[in-house]
Amino acid sequence: MIFVSFFKTLVGKEVAVELKNDVVLMGVLHSVDQYLNIKLLQVRVVNPEKYPQLTALENCFIRGSVVRYIQIPSEFVDTELLQDAARKENAPASSKAKSG
């Protein structure tokens, strides 16, 4: 759940999504769901010479299972917040019960 919450904070920001078939799409993140399905607006292909059929895309829906990487500008990443959330999520059950 950490990643879903994190990606939801990036809605409205520009990201690059690399697919498992080596296509890289850049666009504004419109939405993301619990399966990490992504909807991008204002889409452009990073390598239009190699994928000319994709240059007409304006927006797209990307199934989460075909995503290899999501590239995020570093100014949008709060590493301390992510590390704290990861520690809390991975804490042993006994310490969760004490803190909750």
N, C-alpha and C. Protein backbone atom coordinates (compact mmCIF):
# COMPACT_ATOMS: atom_id res chain seq x y z
N MET A 1 0.81 -1.20 0.00
CA MET A 1 0.00 0.00 0.00
C MET A 1 0.85 1.26 0.00
N ILE A 2 2.10 1.14 0.40
CA ILE A 2 2.96 2.33 0.43
C ILE A 2 3.05 2.93 -0.95
N PHE A 3 3.26 2.09 -1.95
CA PHE A 3 3.48 2.61 -3.29
C PHE A 3 2.24 3.25 -3.87
N VAL A 4 1.09 2.67 -3.63
CA VAL A 4 -0.15 3.26 -4.13
C VAL A 4 -0.33 4.65 -3.54
N SER A 5 -0.15 4.76 -2.23
CA SER A 5 -0.29 6.06 -1.57
C SER A 5 0.74 7.04 -2.12
N PHE A 6 1.97 6.56 -2.31
CA PHE A 6 3.01 7.43 -2.84
C PHE A 6 2.68 7.91 -4.24
N PHE A 7 2.26 7.01 -5.12
CA PHE A 7 1.95 7.40 -6.48
C PHE A 7 0.75 8.35 -6.54
N LYS A 8 -0.18 8.20 -5.61
CA LYS A 8 -1.33 9.11 -5.59
C LYS A 8 -0.89 10.54 -5.26
N THR A 9 0.22 10.70 -4.55
CA THR A 9 0.73 12.05 -4.28
C THR A 9 1.36 12.67 -5.52
N LEU A 10 1.63 11.85 -6.53
CA LEU A 10 2.26 12.35 -7.77
C LEU A 10 1.25 12.71 -8.85
N VAL A 11 -0.05 12.57 -8.57
CA VAL A 11 -1.06 12.92 -9.56
C VAL A 11 -0.88 14.39 -9.95
N GLY A 12 -0.87 14.63 -11.26
CA GLY A 12 -0.66 15.98 -11.77
C GLY A 12 0.80 16.29 -12.11
N LYS A 13 1.69 15.37 -11.77
CA LYS A 13 3.13 15.56 -12.05
C LYS A 13 3.51 14.74 -13.28
N GLU A 14 4.58 15.17 -13.95
CA GLU A 14 5.04 14.44 -15.13
C GLU A 14 5.95 13.29 -14.72
N VAL A 15 5.69 12.11 -15.27
CA VAL A 15 6.48 10.91 -15.00
C VAL A 15 6.78 10.22 -16.33
N ALA A 16 7.79 9.38 -16.29
CA ALA A 16 8.12 8.53 -17.44
C ALA A 16 7.84 7.09 -17.04
N VAL A 17 7.15 6.37 -17.89
CA VAL A 17 6.80 4.97 -17.62
C VAL A 17 7.47 4.11 -18.68
N GLU A 18 8.35 3.22 -18.22
CA GLU A 18 9.00 2.28 -19.14
C GLU A 18 8.24 0.97 -19.07
N LEU A 19 7.83 0.49 -20.24
CA LEU A 19 7.07 -0.74 -20.32
C LEU A 19 8.01 -1.92 -20.53
N LYS A 20 7.51 -3.11 -20.31
CA LYS A 20 8.33 -4.32 -20.47
C LYS A 20 8.73 -4.57 -21.91
N ASN A 21 8.04 -3.93 -22.87
CA ASN A 21 8.42 -4.08 -24.28
C ASN A 21 9.36 -2.96 -24.73
N ASP A 22 9.98 -2.26 -23.78
CA ASP A 22 10.98 -1.22 -24.00
C ASP A 22 10.43 0.13 -24.46
N VAL A 23 9.13 0.28 -24.59
CA VAL A 23 8.54 1.58 -24.91
C VAL A 23 8.60 2.45 -23.66
N VAL A 24 9.00 3.72 -23.84
CA VAL A 24 9.00 4.66 -22.73
C VAL A 24 8.04 5.79 -23.09
N LEU A 25 7.05 5.99 -22.22
CA LEU A 25 6.06 7.03 -22.42
C LEU A 25 6.21 8.06 -21.31
N MET A 26 6.14 9.33 -21.67
CA MET A 26 6.15 10.40 -20.67
C MET A 26 4.80 11.07 -20.71
N GLY A 27 4.33 11.46 -19.56
CA GLY A 27 3.06 12.15 -19.50
C GLY A 27 2.73 12.58 -18.08
N VAL A 28 1.61 13.25 -17.95
CA VAL A 28 1.15 13.72 -16.66
C VAL A 28 0.31 12.62 -16.02
N LEU A 29 0.68 12.24 -14.82
CA LEU A 29 -0.04 11.18 -14.11
C LEU A 29 -1.43 11.67 -13.75
N HIS A 30 -2.45 11.00 -14.27
CA HIS A 30 -3.83 11.37 -14.00
C HIS A 30 -4.42 10.54 -12.87
N SER A 31 -4.12 9.23 -12.87
CA SER A 31 -4.63 8.37 -11.81
C SER A 31 -3.81 7.09 -11.72
N VAL A 32 -3.92 6.46 -10.56
CA VAL A 32 -3.28 5.17 -10.31
C VAL A 32 -4.18 4.41 -9.34
N ASP A 33 -4.26 3.08 -9.51
CA ASP A 33 -5.12 2.30 -8.61
C ASP A 33 -4.29 1.27 -7.84
N GLN A 34 -4.97 0.43 -7.07
CA GLN A 34 -4.28 -0.52 -6.20
C GLN A 34 -3.49 -1.57 -6.96
N TYR A 35 -3.77 -1.76 -8.25
CA TYR A 35 -3.02 -2.69 -9.08
C TYR A 35 -1.88 -2.00 -9.81
N LEU A 36 -1.67 -0.73 -9.50
CA LEU A 36 -0.69 0.14 -10.15
C LEU A 36 -0.97 0.31 -11.64
N ASN A 37 -2.25 0.20 -12.02
CA ASN A 37 -2.66 0.62 -13.35
C ASN A 37 -2.56 2.14 -13.38
N ILE A 38 -2.13 2.66 -14.51
CA ILE A 38 -1.81 4.09 -14.60
C ILE A 38 -2.55 4.71 -15.77
N LYS A 39 -3.05 5.92 -15.55
CA LYS A 39 -3.59 6.70 -16.66
C LYS A 39 -2.73 7.95 -16.81
N LEU A 40 -2.23 8.14 -18.03
CA LEU A 40 -1.40 9.30 -18.34
C LEU A 40 -2.13 10.23 -19.30
N LEU A 41 -1.94 11.53 -19.12
CA LEU A 41 -2.44 12.54 -20.03
C LEU A 41 -1.26 13.24 -20.68
N GLN A 42 -1.49 13.91 -21.79
CA GLN A 42 -0.44 14.65 -22.51
C GLN A 42 0.76 13.74 -22.79
N VAL A 43 0.48 12.57 -23.32
CA VAL A 43 1.49 11.53 -23.53
C VAL A 43 2.38 11.86 -24.72
N ARG A 44 3.65 11.56 -24.55
CA ARG A 44 4.58 11.60 -25.69
C ARG A 44 5.54 10.42 -25.56
N VAL A 45 5.97 9.93 -26.70
CA VAL A 45 6.87 8.78 -26.75
C VAL A 45 8.30 9.31 -26.69
N VAL A 46 9.13 8.68 -25.87
CA VAL A 46 10.51 9.14 -25.73
C VAL A 46 11.30 8.89 -27.01
N ASN A 47 11.02 7.80 -27.72
CA ASN A 47 11.75 7.48 -28.94
C ASN A 47 10.76 7.38 -30.11
N PRO A 48 10.26 8.52 -30.63
CA PRO A 48 9.22 8.47 -31.66
C PRO A 48 9.70 7.87 -33.00
N GLU A 49 11.00 7.90 -33.26
CA GLU A 49 11.50 7.31 -34.50
C GLU A 49 11.32 5.80 -34.49
N LYS A 50 11.46 5.20 -33.32
CA LYS A 50 11.34 3.75 -33.20
C LYS A 50 9.87 3.31 -33.10
N TYR A 51 9.01 4.18 -32.55
CA TYR A 51 7.60 3.84 -32.35
C TYR A 51 6.69 4.92 -32.95
N PRO A 52 6.73 5.11 -34.27
CA PRO A 52 5.93 6.19 -34.88
C PRO A 52 4.42 5.98 -34.72
N GLN A 53 4.00 4.73 -34.55
CA GLN A 53 2.56 4.45 -34.39
C GLN A 53 2.02 5.01 -33.07
N LEU A 54 2.89 5.35 -32.14
CA LEU A 54 2.45 5.85 -30.84
C LEU A 54 2.47 7.38 -30.73
N THR A 55 2.93 8.04 -31.76
CA THR A 55 3.06 9.51 -31.68
C THR A 55 1.71 10.21 -31.63
N ALA A 56 0.64 9.56 -32.06
CA ALA A 56 -0.69 10.19 -32.05
C ALA A 56 -1.38 10.09 -30.69
N LEU A 57 -0.77 9.38 -29.74
CA LEU A 57 -1.39 9.23 -28.42
C LEU A 57 -1.53 10.58 -27.72
N GLU A 58 -2.69 10.82 -27.13
CA GLU A 58 -2.87 12.00 -26.30
C GLU A 58 -2.97 11.61 -24.83
N ASN A 59 -3.66 10.49 -24.59
CA ASN A 59 -3.72 9.94 -23.23
C ASN A 59 -3.76 8.42 -23.35
N CYS A 60 -3.43 7.75 -22.27
CA CYS A 60 -3.42 6.29 -22.34
C CYS A 60 -3.61 5.68 -20.96
N PHE A 61 -4.08 4.45 -20.97
CA PHE A 61 -4.22 3.63 -19.77
C PHE A 61 -3.18 2.53 -19.87
N ILE A 62 -2.41 2.34 -18.82
CA ILE A 62 -1.35 1.34 -18.82
C ILE A 62 -1.63 0.33 -17.72
N ARG A 63 -1.75 -0.92 -18.11
CA ARG A 63 -1.97 -1.98 -17.13
C ARG A 63 -0.71 -2.14 -16.27
N GLY A 64 -0.88 -2.24 -14.97
CA GLY A 64 0.24 -2.31 -14.05
C GLY A 64 1.20 -3.45 -14.31
N SER A 65 0.69 -4.57 -14.82
CA SER A 65 1.55 -5.74 -15.03
C SER A 65 2.52 -5.58 -16.20
N VAL A 66 2.35 -4.57 -17.04
CA VAL A 66 3.27 -4.37 -18.16
C VAL A 66 4.31 -3.29 -17.89
N VAL A 67 4.28 -2.71 -16.69
CA VAL A 67 5.22 -1.64 -16.33
C VAL A 67 6.52 -2.24 -15.82
N ARG A 68 7.62 -1.78 -16.36
CA ARG A 68 8.94 -2.18 -15.86
C ARG A 68 9.41 -1.18 -14.81
N TYR A 69 9.42 0.10 -15.16
CA TYR A 69 9.88 1.16 -14.26
C TYR A 69 8.97 2.37 -14.39
N ILE A 70 8.91 3.14 -13.32
CA ILE A 70 8.31 4.46 -13.38
C ILE A 70 9.38 5.43 -12.91
N GLN A 71 9.75 6.34 -13.79
CA GLN A 71 10.81 7.30 -13.48
C GLN A 71 10.17 8.58 -12.96
N ILE A 72 10.62 9.00 -11.79
CA ILE A 72 10.04 10.14 -11.11
C ILE A 72 11.14 11.17 -10.89
N PRO A 73 10.88 12.44 -11.18
CA PRO A 73 11.89 13.46 -10.87
C PRO A 73 12.21 13.47 -9.38
N SER A 74 13.47 13.63 -9.04
CA SER A 74 13.91 13.51 -7.65
C SER A 74 13.27 14.54 -6.73
N GLU A 75 12.86 15.69 -7.25
CA GLU A 75 12.26 16.71 -6.38
C GLU A 75 10.90 16.28 -5.84
N PHE A 76 10.30 15.23 -6.41
CA PHE A 76 9.00 14.75 -5.95
C PHE A 76 9.12 13.60 -4.96
N VAL A 77 10.34 13.16 -4.66
CA VAL A 77 10.53 11.99 -3.81
C VAL A 77 11.03 12.43 -2.44
N ASP A 78 10.25 12.14 -1.41
CA ASP A 78 10.64 12.38 -0.03
C ASP A 78 11.11 11.04 0.53
N THR A 79 12.42 10.78 0.44
CA THR A 79 12.95 9.47 0.82
C THR A 79 12.75 9.17 2.30
N GLU A 80 12.84 10.18 3.14
CA GLU A 80 12.64 9.94 4.57
C GLU A 80 11.22 9.47 4.85
N LEU A 81 10.26 10.10 4.22
CA LEU A 81 8.86 9.70 4.40
C LEU A 81 8.63 8.26 3.92
N LEU A 82 9.22 7.90 2.77
CA LEU A 82 9.08 6.54 2.26
C LEU A 82 9.75 5.52 3.19
N GLN A 83 10.93 5.86 3.70
CA GLN A 83 11.63 4.95 4.60
C GLN A 83 10.84 4.74 5.89
N ASP A 84 10.28 5.81 6.44
CA ASP A 84 9.47 5.69 7.66
C ASP A 84 8.25 4.82 7.41
N ALA A 85 7.58 5.03 6.28
CA ALA A 85 6.39 4.24 5.95
C ALA A 85 6.75 2.77 5.77
N ALA A 86 7.89 2.49 5.13
CA ALA A 86 8.33 1.12 4.93
C ALA A 86 8.64 0.45 6.26
N ARG A 87 9.28 1.19 7.16
CA ARG A 87 9.59 0.63 8.48
C ARG A 87 8.30 0.29 9.23
N LYS A 88 7.33 1.19 9.18
CA LYS A 88 6.07 0.95 9.89
C LYS A 88 5.32 -0.24 9.30
N GLU A 89 5.32 -0.34 7.97
CA GLU A 89 4.60 -1.44 7.32
C GLU A 89 5.26 -2.78 7.59
N ASN A 90 6.58 -2.79 7.72
CA ASN A 90 7.31 -4.04 7.91
C ASN A 90 7.63 -4.34 9.37
N ALA A 91 7.09 -3.54 10.27
CA ALA A 91 7.33 -3.78 11.70
C ALA A 91 6.68 -5.10 12.11
N PRO A 92 7.29 -5.80 13.06
CA PRO A 92 6.68 -7.05 13.55
C PRO A 92 5.29 -6.79 14.11
N ALA A 93 4.45 -7.78 14.06
CA ALA A 93 3.05 -7.64 14.51
C ALA A 93 2.97 -7.21 15.96
N SER A 94 3.89 -7.66 16.82
CA SER A 94 3.82 -7.32 18.24
C SER A 94 4.03 -5.82 18.45
N SER A 95 4.94 -5.20 17.70
CA SER A 95 5.17 -3.76 17.88
C SER A 95 4.03 -2.95 17.28
N LYS A 96 3.34 -3.50 16.25
CA LYS A 96 2.17 -2.80 15.69
C LYS A 96 1.06 -2.77 16.72
N ALA A 97 0.89 -3.86 17.45
CA ALA A 97 -0.19 -3.92 18.44
C ALA A 97 0.09 -2.95 19.60
N LYS A 98 1.36 -2.81 19.98
CA LYS A 98 1.72 -1.90 21.06
C LYS A 98 1.50 -0.45 20.66
N SER A 99 1.85 -0.11 19.41
CA SER A 99 1.73 1.29 18.98
C SER A 99 0.31 1.65 18.59
N GLY A 100 -0.53 0.68 18.25
CA GLY A 100 -1.88 0.96 17.75
C GLY A 100 -2.88 0.82 18.78
